[in-house]
Amino acid sequence: MTSKIVRIALVAAIAGAALSVAACSPKAPATDEAAAASDAASDAAMDASAAASDASEAASDAASS
């Protein structure tokens, strides 16, 4: 059970780091390639946010069990 909590915490930390990198990365010039990269980064940030939320809920459930 402890390793499950540690694993969930690790996933949450990685998701938070991904959000931080996506939010703090410098803006690229407005080109089609940069726009595509920006869209990809936004999608990754949303996925990371969802993963962090899921990990947080799972950690909460595991802690209360």
Protein backbone atom coordinates (compact mmCIF):
# COMPACT_ATOMS: atom_id res chain seq x y z
CA MET A 1 0.00 0.00 0.00
CA THR A 2 2.86 2.37 0.78
CA SER A 3 4.42 1.80 -2.63
CA LYS A 4 1.05 2.57 -4.24
CA ILE A 5 0.87 5.90 -2.40
CA VAL A 6 4.47 6.69 -3.34
CA ARG A 7 3.74 5.81 -6.98
CA ILE A 8 0.65 8.04 -7.00
CA ALA A 9 2.59 10.89 -5.42
CA LEU A 10 5.33 10.48 -8.03
CA VAL A 11 2.79 10.64 -10.87
CA ALA A 12 1.25 13.76 -9.34
CA ALA A 13 4.68 15.39 -9.03
CA ILE A 14 5.55 14.58 -12.64
CA ALA A 15 2.21 15.98 -13.80
CA GLY A 16 2.83 19.16 -11.82
CA ALA A 17 6.29 19.49 -13.33
CA ALA A 18 4.86 19.06 -16.83
CA LEU A 19 2.34 21.82 -16.14
CA SER A 20 5.12 24.06 -14.86
CA VAL A 21 7.27 23.47 -17.95
CA ALA A 22 4.32 24.10 -20.27
CA ALA A 23 3.33 27.28 -18.45
CA CYS A 24 6.84 28.72 -18.10
CA SER A 25 8.31 27.91 -21.50
CA PRO A 26 9.22 30.98 -23.59
CA LYS A 27 6.86 32.04 -26.33
CA ALA A 28 7.93 31.10 -29.86
CA PRO A 29 7.47 33.27 -32.95
CA ALA A 30 4.00 33.04 -34.47
CA THR A 31 4.49 30.52 -37.24
CA ASP A 32 2.46 27.51 -38.27
CA GLU A 33 5.06 25.20 -36.74
CA ALA A 34 5.07 27.17 -33.50
CA ALA A 35 1.28 27.15 -33.40
CA ALA A 36 1.25 23.38 -33.80
CA ALA A 37 3.85 23.01 -31.04
CA SER A 38 1.82 25.32 -28.82
CA ASP A 39 -1.30 23.25 -29.39
CA ALA A 40 0.63 20.08 -28.54
CA ALA A 41 1.98 21.67 -25.35
CA SER A 42 -1.49 22.80 -24.35
CA ASP A 43 -2.85 19.31 -24.88
CA ALA A 44 0.00 17.85 -22.83
CA ALA A 45 -0.68 20.34 -20.04
CA MET A 46 -4.36 19.42 -19.98
CA ASP A 47 -3.48 15.72 -19.90
CA ALA A 48 -1.01 16.34 -17.08
CA SER A 49 -3.61 18.30 -15.15
CA ALA A 50 -6.10 15.46 -15.48
CA ALA A 51 -3.46 12.96 -14.38
CA ALA A 52 -2.57 15.09 -11.36
CA SER A 53 -6.22 15.32 -10.40
CA ASP A 54 -6.68 11.56 -10.75
CA ALA A 55 -3.51 10.91 -8.77
CA SER A 56 -4.61 13.28 -6.04
CA GLU A 57 -7.99 11.56 -5.76
CA ALA A 58 -6.35 8.13 -5.71
CA ALA A 59 -3.88 9.22 -3.03
CA SER A 60 -6.72 10.61 -0.97
CA ASP A 61 -8.68 7.40 -1.34
CA ALA A 62 -5.64 5.30 -0.49
CA ALA A 63 -4.88 7.41 2.58
CA SER A 64 -8.42 7.13 3.88
CA SER A 65 -8.61 3.36 3.36
